[in-house]
All heavy atoms as atom14 arrays in JSON, in Angstrom:
{
  "sequence": "YLKQDLSIDRAWINWTDGDKQHECWHTHTPAKLSAVYYMTPYNCGTQ",
  "atom14_mask": [
    [1, 1, 1, 1, 1, 1, 1, 1, 1, 1, 1, 1, 0, 0],
    [1, 1, 1, 1, 1, 1, 1, 1, 0, 0, 0, 0, 0, 0],
    [1, 1, 1, 1, 1, 1, 1, 1, 1, 0, 0, 0, 0, 0],
    [1, 1, 1, 1, 1, 1, 1, 1, 1, 0, 0, 0, 0, 0],
    [1, 1, 1, 1, 1, 1, 1, 1, 0, 0, 0, 0, 0, 0],
    [1, 1, 1, 1, 1, 1, 1, 1, 0, 0, 0, 0, 0, 0],
    [1, 1, 1, 1, 1, 1, 0, 0, 0, 0, 0, 0, 0, 0],
    [1, 1, 1, 1, 1, 1, 1, 1, 0, 0, 0, 0, 0, 0],
    [1, 1, 1, 1, 1, 1, 1, 1, 0, 0, 0, 0, 0, 0],
    [1, 1, 1, 1, 1, 1, 1, 1, 1, 1, 1, 0, 0, 0],
    [1, 1, 1, 1, 1, 0, 0, 0, 0, 0, 0, 0, 0, 0],
    [1, 1, 1, 1, 1, 1, 1, 1, 1, 1, 1, 1, 1, 1],
    [1, 1, 1, 1, 1, 1, 1, 1, 0, 0, 0, 0, 0, 0],
    [1, 1, 1, 1, 1, 1, 1, 1, 0, 0, 0, 0, 0, 0],
    [1, 1, 1, 1, 1, 1, 1, 1, 1, 1, 1, 1, 1, 1],
    [1, 1, 1, 1, 1, 1, 1, 0, 0, 0, 0, 0, 0, 0],
    [1, 1, 1, 1, 1, 1, 1, 1, 0, 0, 0, 0, 0, 0],
    [1, 1, 1, 1, 0, 0, 0, 0, 0, 0, 0, 0, 0, 0],
    [1, 1, 1, 1, 1, 1, 1, 1, 0, 0, 0, 0, 0, 0],
    [1, 1, 1, 1, 1, 1, 1, 1, 1, 0, 0, 0, 0, 0],
    [1, 1, 1, 1, 1, 1, 1, 1, 1, 0, 0, 0, 0, 0],
    [1, 1, 1, 1, 1, 1, 1, 1, 1, 1, 0, 0, 0, 0],
    [1, 1, 1, 1, 1, 1, 1, 1, 1, 0, 0, 0, 0, 0],
    [1, 1, 1, 1, 1, 1, 0, 0, 0, 0, 0, 0, 0, 0],
    [1, 1, 1, 1, 1, 1, 1, 1, 1, 1, 1, 1, 1, 1],
    [1, 1, 1, 1, 1, 1, 1, 1, 1, 1, 0, 0, 0, 0],
    [1, 1, 1, 1, 1, 1, 1, 0, 0, 0, 0, 0, 0, 0],
    [1, 1, 1, 1, 1, 1, 1, 1, 1, 1, 0, 0, 0, 0],
    [1, 1, 1, 1, 1, 1, 1, 0, 0, 0, 0, 0, 0, 0],
    [1, 1, 1, 1, 1, 1, 1, 0, 0, 0, 0, 0, 0, 0],
    [1, 1, 1, 1, 1, 0, 0, 0, 0, 0, 0, 0, 0, 0],
    [1, 1, 1, 1, 1, 1, 1, 1, 1, 0, 0, 0, 0, 0],
    [1, 1, 1, 1, 1, 1, 1, 1, 0, 0, 0, 0, 0, 0],
    [1, 1, 1, 1, 1, 1, 0, 0, 0, 0, 0, 0, 0, 0],
    [1, 1, 1, 1, 1, 0, 0, 0, 0, 0, 0, 0, 0, 0],
    [1, 1, 1, 1, 1, 1, 1, 0, 0, 0, 0, 0, 0, 0],
    [1, 1, 1, 1, 1, 1, 1, 1, 1, 1, 1, 1, 0, 0],
    [1, 1, 1, 1, 1, 1, 1, 1, 1, 1, 1, 1, 0, 0],
    [1, 1, 1, 1, 1, 1, 1, 1, 0, 0, 0, 0, 0, 0],
    [1, 1, 1, 1, 1, 1, 1, 0, 0, 0, 0, 0, 0, 0],
    [1, 1, 1, 1, 1, 1, 1, 0, 0, 0, 0, 0, 0, 0],
    [1, 1, 1, 1, 1, 1, 1, 1, 1, 1, 1, 1, 0, 0],
    [1, 1, 1, 1, 1, 1, 1, 1, 0, 0, 0, 0, 0, 0],
    [1, 1, 1, 1, 1, 1, 0, 0, 0, 0, 0, 0, 0, 0],
    [1, 1, 1, 1, 0, 0, 0, 0, 0, 0, 0, 0, 0, 0],
    [1, 1, 1, 1, 1, 1, 1, 0, 0, 0, 0, 0, 0, 0],
    [1, 1, 1, 1, 1, 1, 1, 1, 1, 0, 0, 0, 0, 0]
  ],
  "atom14_positions": [
    [[147.13, 40.1, 139.39], [147.05, 41.05, 138.27], [146.92, 42.51, 138.71], [147.41, 43.41, 138.14], [145.76, 40.63, 137.37], [145.47, 41.48, 136.25], [146.26, 41.3, 135.0], [144.56, 42.53, 136.26], [145.96, 42.13, 133.86], [144.31, 43.33, 135.16], [145.07, 43.07, 134.0], [144.93, 43.88, 132.89], [0.0, 0.0, 0.0], [0.0, 0.0, 0.0]],
    [[146.06, 42.7, 139.86], [145.87, 44.07, 140.22], [146.94, 44.58, 141.29], [147.11, 45.62, 141.68], [144.49, 44.23, 140.86], [143.34, 43.96, 140.12], [142.01, 44.1, 140.83], [143.4, 44.9, 138.95], [0.0, 0.0, 0.0], [0.0, 0.0, 0.0], [0.0, 0.0, 0.0], [0.0, 0.0, 0.0], [0.0, 0.0, 0.0], [0.0, 0.0, 0.0]],
    [[147.97, 43.63, 141.62], [148.92, 43.86, 142.64], [148.34, 44.48, 143.94], [148.79, 45.48, 144.46], [149.97, 44.78, 141.95], [150.79, 44.25, 140.89], [151.75, 45.19, 140.18], [152.58, 44.6, 139.17], [151.98, 44.39, 137.98], [0.0, 0.0, 0.0], [0.0, 0.0, 0.0], [0.0, 0.0, 0.0], [0.0, 0.0, 0.0], [0.0, 0.0, 0.0]],
    [[147.37, 43.76, 144.36], [146.73, 44.05, 145.62], [146.56, 42.85, 146.54], [146.9, 41.8, 146.05], [145.36, 44.73, 145.31], [145.33, 45.96, 144.74], [143.94, 46.64, 144.59], [143.21, 46.59, 145.46], [143.73, 47.28, 143.44], [0.0, 0.0, 0.0], [0.0, 0.0, 0.0], [0.0, 0.0, 0.0], [0.0, 0.0, 0.0], [0.0, 0.0, 0.0]],
    [[146.11, 43.1, 147.73], [145.94, 42.03, 148.68], [144.43, 42.06, 149.23], [144.06, 42.42, 150.32], [146.9, 42.2, 149.88], [146.77, 41.02, 150.8], [146.34, 39.87, 150.32], [147.08, 41.19, 151.98], [0.0, 0.0, 0.0], [0.0, 0.0, 0.0], [0.0, 0.0, 0.0], [0.0, 0.0, 0.0], [0.0, 0.0, 0.0], [0.0, 0.0, 0.0]],
    [[143.56, 41.78, 148.28], [142.12, 41.67, 148.48], [141.68, 40.39, 149.13], [142.47, 39.33, 149.01], [141.29, 41.97, 147.21], [141.69, 43.25, 146.43], [141.14, 43.37, 145.09], [141.05, 44.54, 147.25], [0.0, 0.0, 0.0], [0.0, 0.0, 0.0], [0.0, 0.0, 0.0], [0.0, 0.0, 0.0], [0.0, 0.0, 0.0], [0.0, 0.0, 0.0]],
    [[140.57, 40.37, 149.7], [139.83, 39.17, 150.22], [138.57, 39.09, 149.81], [137.81, 40.1, 149.52], [140.09, 39.06, 151.64], [139.45, 40.04, 152.41], [0.0, 0.0, 0.0], [0.0, 0.0, 0.0], [0.0, 0.0, 0.0], [0.0, 0.0, 0.0], [0.0, 0.0, 0.0], [0.0, 0.0, 0.0], [0.0, 0.0, 0.0], [0.0, 0.0, 0.0]],
    [[137.94, 37.98, 149.8], [136.55, 37.81, 149.43], [135.67, 38.05, 150.66], [135.79, 37.51, 151.76], [136.24, 36.34, 148.79], [137.04, 36.17, 147.57], [134.79, 36.18, 148.48], [136.86, 34.86, 146.94], [0.0, 0.0, 0.0], [0.0, 0.0, 0.0], [0.0, 0.0, 0.0], [0.0, 0.0, 0.0], [0.0, 0.0, 0.0], [0.0, 0.0, 0.0]],
    [[134.72, 38.93, 150.51], [133.8, 39.32, 151.56], [132.46, 38.42, 151.38], [131.95, 38.0, 152.44], [133.37, 40.79, 151.47], [132.43, 41.16, 152.64], [132.68, 40.73, 153.62], [131.57, 41.97, 152.27], [0.0, 0.0, 0.0], [0.0, 0.0, 0.0], [0.0, 0.0, 0.0], [0.0, 0.0, 0.0], [0.0, 0.0, 0.0], [0.0, 0.0, 0.0]],
    [[131.95, 38.44, 150.24], [130.75, 37.62, 150.04], [130.88, 36.85, 148.7], [131.44, 37.44, 147.79], [129.47, 38.5, 149.89], [129.34, 39.45, 151.09], [127.99, 40.3, 150.92], [127.82, 40.95, 149.6], [126.73, 41.1, 148.95], [125.65, 40.7, 149.52], [126.66, 41.67, 147.83], [0.0, 0.0, 0.0], [0.0, 0.0, 0.0], [0.0, 0.0, 0.0]],
    [[130.2, 35.77, 148.5], [130.26, 35.01, 147.28], [128.96, 34.23, 147.11], [128.45, 33.62, 148.02], [131.41, 34.12, 147.16], [0.0, 0.0, 0.0], [0.0, 0.0, 0.0], [0.0, 0.0, 0.0], [0.0, 0.0, 0.0], [0.0, 0.0, 0.0], [0.0, 0.0, 0.0], [0.0, 0.0, 0.0], [0.0, 0.0, 0.0], [0.0, 0.0, 0.0]],
    [[128.44, 34.04, 145.76], [127.15, 33.27, 145.61], [127.11, 33.02, 144.08], [127.93, 33.51, 143.25], [126.07, 34.32, 146.01], [126.03, 35.58, 145.2], [125.17, 35.79, 144.12], [126.68, 36.8, 145.38], [125.38, 37.14, 143.54], [126.33, 37.73, 144.47], [127.53, 37.16, 146.42], [126.79, 38.95, 144.37], [128.08, 38.49, 146.41], [127.68, 39.4, 145.55]],
    [[126.2, 32.17, 143.74], [125.87, 31.82, 142.41], [124.42, 32.33, 142.18], [123.6, 32.22, 142.94], [125.94, 30.33, 142.14], [127.39, 29.96, 142.08], [125.27, 29.93, 140.79], [127.61, 28.49, 141.96], [0.0, 0.0, 0.0], [0.0, 0.0, 0.0], [0.0, 0.0, 0.0], [0.0, 0.0, 0.0], [0.0, 0.0, 0.0], [0.0, 0.0, 0.0]],
    [[124.26, 32.92, 140.91], [123.02, 33.42, 140.54], [122.32, 32.58, 139.28], [123.25, 32.14, 138.55], [123.07, 34.85, 139.91], [123.31, 35.96, 140.93], [122.65, 36.01, 141.91], [124.43, 36.64, 140.79], [0.0, 0.0, 0.0], [0.0, 0.0, 0.0], [0.0, 0.0, 0.0], [0.0, 0.0, 0.0], [0.0, 0.0, 0.0], [0.0, 0.0, 0.0]],
    [[121.16, 32.52, 139.21], [120.56, 31.82, 138.08], [119.43, 32.76, 137.64], [118.67, 33.37, 138.45], [120.0, 30.56, 138.38], [119.03, 29.94, 137.37], [119.5, 29.31, 136.2], [117.71, 30.27, 137.08], [118.42, 29.09, 135.29], [117.32, 29.64, 135.84], [116.73, 30.98, 137.8], [116.03, 29.66, 135.3], [115.42, 30.99, 137.35], [115.09, 30.43, 136.14]],
    [[119.3, 33.04, 136.32], [118.16, 33.74, 135.79], [117.92, 33.11, 134.37], [118.69, 32.4, 133.89], [118.51, 35.2, 135.59], [117.34, 35.82, 135.05], [119.55, 35.55, 134.64], [0.0, 0.0, 0.0], [0.0, 0.0, 0.0], [0.0, 0.0, 0.0], [0.0, 0.0, 0.0], [0.0, 0.0, 0.0], [0.0, 0.0, 0.0], [0.0, 0.0, 0.0]],
    [[116.67, 33.42, 133.93], [116.31, 32.93, 132.55], [116.21, 34.1, 131.64], [115.67, 33.84, 130.46], [114.94, 32.16, 132.66], [113.72, 33.04, 133.05], [113.95, 34.14, 133.4], [112.71, 32.44, 133.21], [0.0, 0.0, 0.0], [0.0, 0.0, 0.0], [0.0, 0.0, 0.0], [0.0, 0.0, 0.0], [0.0, 0.0, 0.0], [0.0, 0.0, 0.0]],
    [[116.63, 35.27, 131.98], [116.64, 36.33, 131.04], [115.29, 37.19, 130.98], [115.2, 37.85, 130.08], [0.0, 0.0, 0.0], [0.0, 0.0, 0.0], [0.0, 0.0, 0.0], [0.0, 0.0, 0.0], [0.0, 0.0, 0.0], [0.0, 0.0, 0.0], [0.0, 0.0, 0.0], [0.0, 0.0, 0.0], [0.0, 0.0, 0.0], [0.0, 0.0, 0.0]],
    [[114.41, 36.78, 131.77], [113.09, 37.43, 131.67], [113.19, 39.05, 131.82], [113.73, 39.61, 132.73], [112.31, 36.91, 132.95], [110.78, 37.38, 133.0], [110.51, 38.22, 131.99], [109.96, 36.83, 133.62], [0.0, 0.0, 0.0], [0.0, 0.0, 0.0], [0.0, 0.0, 0.0], [0.0, 0.0, 0.0], [0.0, 0.0, 0.0], [0.0, 0.0, 0.0]],
    [[112.59, 39.7, 130.86], [112.65, 41.22, 130.68], [111.92, 41.81, 131.95], [112.23, 42.93, 132.18], [111.99, 41.54, 129.49], [112.87, 41.34, 128.25], [112.29, 41.97, 126.99], [113.3, 42.95, 126.54], [112.99, 43.67, 125.35], [0.0, 0.0, 0.0], [0.0, 0.0, 0.0], [0.0, 0.0, 0.0], [0.0, 0.0, 0.0], [0.0, 0.0, 0.0]],
    [[110.99, 41.12, 132.57], [110.28, 41.7, 133.72], [111.27, 41.72, 134.98], [110.74, 42.21, 136.0], [109.02, 40.98, 133.93], [108.06, 41.03, 132.83], [106.93, 40.24, 132.94], [106.43, 40.02, 134.15], [106.4, 39.62, 131.93], [0.0, 0.0, 0.0], [0.0, 0.0, 0.0], [0.0, 0.0, 0.0], [0.0, 0.0, 0.0], [0.0, 0.0, 0.0]],
    [[112.31, 41.11, 134.97], [113.03, 40.8, 136.16], [114.3, 41.8, 136.21], [115.37, 41.17, 136.89], [113.43, 39.44, 136.39], [112.29, 38.69, 136.67], [112.12, 37.31, 136.47], [111.1, 38.98, 137.39], [111.0, 36.81, 136.91], [110.33, 37.81, 137.44], [0.0, 0.0, 0.0], [0.0, 0.0, 0.0], [0.0, 0.0, 0.0], [0.0, 0.0, 0.0]],
    [[114.34, 42.98, 135.6], [115.62, 43.79, 135.75], [115.67, 44.07, 137.31], [114.66, 44.55, 137.95], [115.48, 45.07, 134.95], [115.74, 44.77, 133.45], [115.87, 46.13, 132.79], [114.73, 46.71, 132.64], [116.88, 46.46, 132.26], [0.0, 0.0, 0.0], [0.0, 0.0, 0.0], [0.0, 0.0, 0.0], [0.0, 0.0, 0.0], [0.0, 0.0, 0.0]],
    [[116.83, 44.05, 137.8], [117.0, 44.43, 139.2], [118.37, 45.23, 139.26], [119.47, 44.64, 139.46], [117.15, 43.13, 139.98], [117.27, 43.45, 141.8], [0.0, 0.0, 0.0], [0.0, 0.0, 0.0], [0.0, 0.0, 0.0], [0.0, 0.0, 0.0], [0.0, 0.0, 0.0], [0.0, 0.0, 0.0], [0.0, 0.0, 0.0], [0.0, 0.0, 0.0]],
    [[118.28, 46.54, 139.16], [119.48, 47.41, 139.2], [119.99, 47.45, 140.65], [119.28, 47.58, 141.54], [119.27, 48.86, 138.63], [118.9, 48.73, 137.15], [117.73, 48.62, 136.48], [119.98, 48.77, 136.17], [117.91, 48.56, 135.29], [119.15, 48.77, 134.95], [121.37, 48.96, 136.21], [119.85, 48.85, 133.61], [122.0, 49.08, 134.92], [121.26, 48.95, 133.73]],
    [[121.36, 47.36, 140.71], [121.86, 47.27, 142.16], [123.41, 47.59, 142.13], [124.02, 47.57, 141.0], [121.69, 45.9, 142.7], [122.32, 44.83, 142.05], [121.73, 44.32, 140.94], [123.41, 44.12, 142.28], [122.55, 43.39, 140.43], [123.58, 43.23, 141.27], [0.0, 0.0, 0.0], [0.0, 0.0, 0.0], [0.0, 0.0, 0.0], [0.0, 0.0, 0.0]],
    [[123.91, 47.88, 143.24], [125.49, 48.02, 143.45], [125.8, 47.02, 144.48], [124.93, 46.36, 145.14], [125.84, 49.45, 143.86], [125.28, 49.66, 145.17], [125.36, 50.5, 142.95], [0.0, 0.0, 0.0], [0.0, 0.0, 0.0], [0.0, 0.0, 0.0], [0.0, 0.0, 0.0], [0.0, 0.0, 0.0], [0.0, 0.0, 0.0], [0.0, 0.0, 0.0]],
    [[127.14, 46.92, 144.78], [127.64, 46.11, 145.83], [128.4, 46.85, 146.85], [129.27, 46.18, 147.46], [128.48, 44.88, 145.16], [127.66, 44.06, 144.25], [127.36, 42.72, 144.79], [127.11, 44.08, 143.1], [126.65, 42.1, 143.81], [126.44, 42.91, 142.78], [0.0, 0.0, 0.0], [0.0, 0.0, 0.0], [0.0, 0.0, 0.0], [0.0, 0.0, 0.0]],
    [[128.09, 48.0, 147.12], [128.75, 48.82, 148.02], [128.45, 48.14, 149.48], [127.22, 47.59, 149.63], [128.34, 50.28, 148.15], [126.94, 50.39, 148.18], [128.91, 50.9, 146.84], [0.0, 0.0, 0.0], [0.0, 0.0, 0.0], [0.0, 0.0, 0.0], [0.0, 0.0, 0.0], [0.0, 0.0, 0.0], [0.0, 0.0, 0.0], [0.0, 0.0, 0.0]],
    [[129.25, 48.14, 150.47], [130.51, 48.91, 150.58], [131.73, 48.19, 150.11], [132.87, 48.61, 150.37], [130.68, 49.21, 151.99], [129.98, 47.96, 152.62], [128.96, 47.59, 151.64], [0.0, 0.0, 0.0], [0.0, 0.0, 0.0], [0.0, 0.0, 0.0], [0.0, 0.0, 0.0], [0.0, 0.0, 0.0], [0.0, 0.0, 0.0], [0.0, 0.0, 0.0]],
    [[131.62, 47.1, 149.3], [132.8, 46.29, 148.82], [133.65, 47.26, 148.03], [133.07, 48.33, 147.42], [132.44, 45.15, 148.08], [0.0, 0.0, 0.0], [0.0, 0.0, 0.0], [0.0, 0.0, 0.0], [0.0, 0.0, 0.0], [0.0, 0.0, 0.0], [0.0, 0.0, 0.0], [0.0, 0.0, 0.0], [0.0, 0.0, 0.0], [0.0, 0.0, 0.0]],
    [[134.9, 46.98, 147.71], [135.82, 47.68, 146.84], [135.62, 47.45, 145.45], [135.4, 48.17, 144.51], [137.23, 47.53, 147.34], [138.14, 48.24, 146.62], [139.51, 48.09, 147.15], [140.63, 48.95, 146.42], [141.88, 48.83, 146.94], [0.0, 0.0, 0.0], [0.0, 0.0, 0.0], [0.0, 0.0, 0.0], [0.0, 0.0, 0.0], [0.0, 0.0, 0.0]],
    [[135.66, 45.96, 145.18], [135.49, 45.6, 143.79], [134.48, 44.36, 143.77], [134.44, 43.69, 144.81], [136.82, 44.97, 143.23], [137.92, 46.1, 143.04], [139.17, 45.36, 142.76], [137.59, 47.01, 142.05], [0.0, 0.0, 0.0], [0.0, 0.0, 0.0], [0.0, 0.0, 0.0], [0.0, 0.0, 0.0], [0.0, 0.0, 0.0], [0.0, 0.0, 0.0]],
    [[133.88, 44.17, 142.82], [133.0, 42.97, 142.54], [133.46, 42.19, 141.26], [134.05, 42.87, 140.38], [131.52, 43.48, 142.34], [131.07, 44.05, 143.49], [0.0, 0.0, 0.0], [0.0, 0.0, 0.0], [0.0, 0.0, 0.0], [0.0, 0.0, 0.0], [0.0, 0.0, 0.0], [0.0, 0.0, 0.0], [0.0, 0.0, 0.0], [0.0, 0.0, 0.0]],
    [[133.14, 40.93, 141.33], [133.61, 40.11, 140.17], [132.45, 39.13, 139.78], [131.69, 38.71, 140.61], [134.83, 39.33, 140.5], [0.0, 0.0, 0.0], [0.0, 0.0, 0.0], [0.0, 0.0, 0.0], [0.0, 0.0, 0.0], [0.0, 0.0, 0.0], [0.0, 0.0, 0.0], [0.0, 0.0, 0.0], [0.0, 0.0, 0.0], [0.0, 0.0, 0.0]],
    [[132.42, 38.94, 138.47], [131.4, 37.92, 137.93], [132.11, 37.0, 137.01], [132.86, 37.34, 136.13], [130.42, 38.63, 137.17], [129.24, 37.6, 136.57], [129.55, 39.69, 137.92], [0.0, 0.0, 0.0], [0.0, 0.0, 0.0], [0.0, 0.0, 0.0], [0.0, 0.0, 0.0], [0.0, 0.0, 0.0], [0.0, 0.0, 0.0], [0.0, 0.0, 0.0]],
    [[131.9, 35.64, 137.4], [132.36, 34.55, 136.48], [131.27, 34.09, 135.7], [130.12, 33.58, 136.31], [133.1, 33.48, 137.37], [133.47, 32.22, 136.57], [134.33, 32.17, 135.53], [132.81, 31.03, 137.0], [134.62, 31.08, 134.93], [133.07, 29.79, 136.32], [133.97, 29.9, 135.28], [134.26, 28.71, 134.64], [0.0, 0.0, 0.0], [0.0, 0.0, 0.0]],
    [[131.45, 33.97, 134.48], [130.23, 33.58, 133.54], [130.27, 32.15, 133.31], [131.23, 31.68, 132.58], [130.3, 34.35, 132.17], [130.13, 35.82, 132.51], [131.29, 36.61, 132.87], [128.85, 36.33, 132.57], [131.16, 37.95, 133.16], [128.72, 37.73, 133.09], [129.87, 38.48, 133.35], [129.86, 39.79, 133.69], [0.0, 0.0, 0.0], [0.0, 0.0, 0.0]],
    [[129.33, 31.29, 133.74], [129.44, 29.86, 133.76], [128.63, 29.17, 132.58], [128.75, 28.01, 132.34], [128.8, 29.26, 135.18], [129.57, 29.84, 136.46], [128.78, 29.48, 137.98], [129.06, 27.78, 138.05], [0.0, 0.0, 0.0], [0.0, 0.0, 0.0], [0.0, 0.0, 0.0], [0.0, 0.0, 0.0], [0.0, 0.0, 0.0], [0.0, 0.0, 0.0]],
    [[127.78, 29.9, 132.01], [127.07, 29.39, 130.87], [127.28, 30.36, 129.69], [127.51, 31.51, 129.76], [125.59, 29.28, 131.12], [125.08, 30.55, 131.72], [125.31, 28.23, 132.09], [0.0, 0.0, 0.0], [0.0, 0.0, 0.0], [0.0, 0.0, 0.0], [0.0, 0.0, 0.0], [0.0, 0.0, 0.0], [0.0, 0.0, 0.0], [0.0, 0.0, 0.0]],
    [[126.99, 29.81, 128.46], [127.35, 30.64, 127.23], [126.17, 31.62, 126.86], [126.44, 32.36, 125.84], [127.62, 29.58, 126.14], [126.66, 28.5, 126.63], [126.7, 28.42, 128.06], [0.0, 0.0, 0.0], [0.0, 0.0, 0.0], [0.0, 0.0, 0.0], [0.0, 0.0, 0.0], [0.0, 0.0, 0.0], [0.0, 0.0, 0.0], [0.0, 0.0, 0.0]],
    [[125.07, 31.72, 127.51], [124.0, 32.51, 127.19], [124.13, 33.93, 127.81], [124.18, 34.11, 128.96], [122.75, 31.86, 127.61], [122.75, 30.37, 127.15], [122.78, 29.46, 128.05], [122.59, 30.03, 125.72], [122.92, 28.12, 127.74], [122.55, 28.76, 125.43], [122.71, 27.76, 126.34], [122.67, 26.48, 125.91], [0.0, 0.0, 0.0], [0.0, 0.0, 0.0]],
    [[124.11, 34.94, 126.77], [124.15, 36.34, 127.26], [125.02, 36.63, 128.26], [124.86, 37.24, 129.25], [122.76, 36.61, 127.71], [122.23, 38.07, 127.39], [123.03, 38.85, 126.85], [120.94, 38.36, 127.68], [0.0, 0.0, 0.0], [0.0, 0.0, 0.0], [0.0, 0.0, 0.0], [0.0, 0.0, 0.0], [0.0, 0.0, 0.0], [0.0, 0.0, 0.0]],
    [[126.32, 36.18, 127.87], [127.46, 36.51, 128.76], [127.69, 38.05, 128.83], [127.84, 38.55, 127.73], [128.78, 35.83, 128.29], [128.77, 34.09, 128.77], [0.0, 0.0, 0.0], [0.0, 0.0, 0.0], [0.0, 0.0, 0.0], [0.0, 0.0, 0.0], [0.0, 0.0, 0.0], [0.0, 0.0, 0.0], [0.0, 0.0, 0.0], [0.0, 0.0, 0.0]],
    [[127.85, 38.64, 129.94], [128.16, 39.97, 130.07], [127.28, 40.65, 131.15], [126.37, 39.99, 131.82], [0.0, 0.0, 0.0], [0.0, 0.0, 0.0], [0.0, 0.0, 0.0], [0.0, 0.0, 0.0], [0.0, 0.0, 0.0], [0.0, 0.0, 0.0], [0.0, 0.0, 0.0], [0.0, 0.0, 0.0], [0.0, 0.0, 0.0], [0.0, 0.0, 0.0]],
    [[127.48, 41.83, 131.51], [126.76, 42.55, 132.44], [126.26, 43.88, 131.97], [127.02, 44.54, 131.28], [127.61, 42.72, 133.69], [127.97, 41.43, 134.3], [127.02, 43.64, 134.87], [0.0, 0.0, 0.0], [0.0, 0.0, 0.0], [0.0, 0.0, 0.0], [0.0, 0.0, 0.0], [0.0, 0.0, 0.0], [0.0, 0.0, 0.0], [0.0, 0.0, 0.0]],
    [[125.09, 44.21, 132.2], [124.53, 45.56, 131.72], [124.78, 46.57, 132.88], [124.39, 46.44, 134.0], [122.95, 45.38, 131.51], [122.41, 46.65, 131.01], [122.83, 47.01, 129.71], [122.67, 46.26, 128.83], [123.21, 48.29, 129.58], [0.0, 0.0, 0.0], [0.0, 0.0, 0.0], [0.0, 0.0, 0.0], [0.0, 0.0, 0.0], [0.0, 0.0, 0.0]]
  ]
}
């Protein structure tokens, strides 16, 4: 889709229960792009 030759540097699965006390703002530098695959139907998306 992007017409690039990217490779995966790191990959993981996250779990959260939506707790308001657990906001954790962050970036993923020095990577070029980051991707998120939404595995459950609850609160799909990223803030």
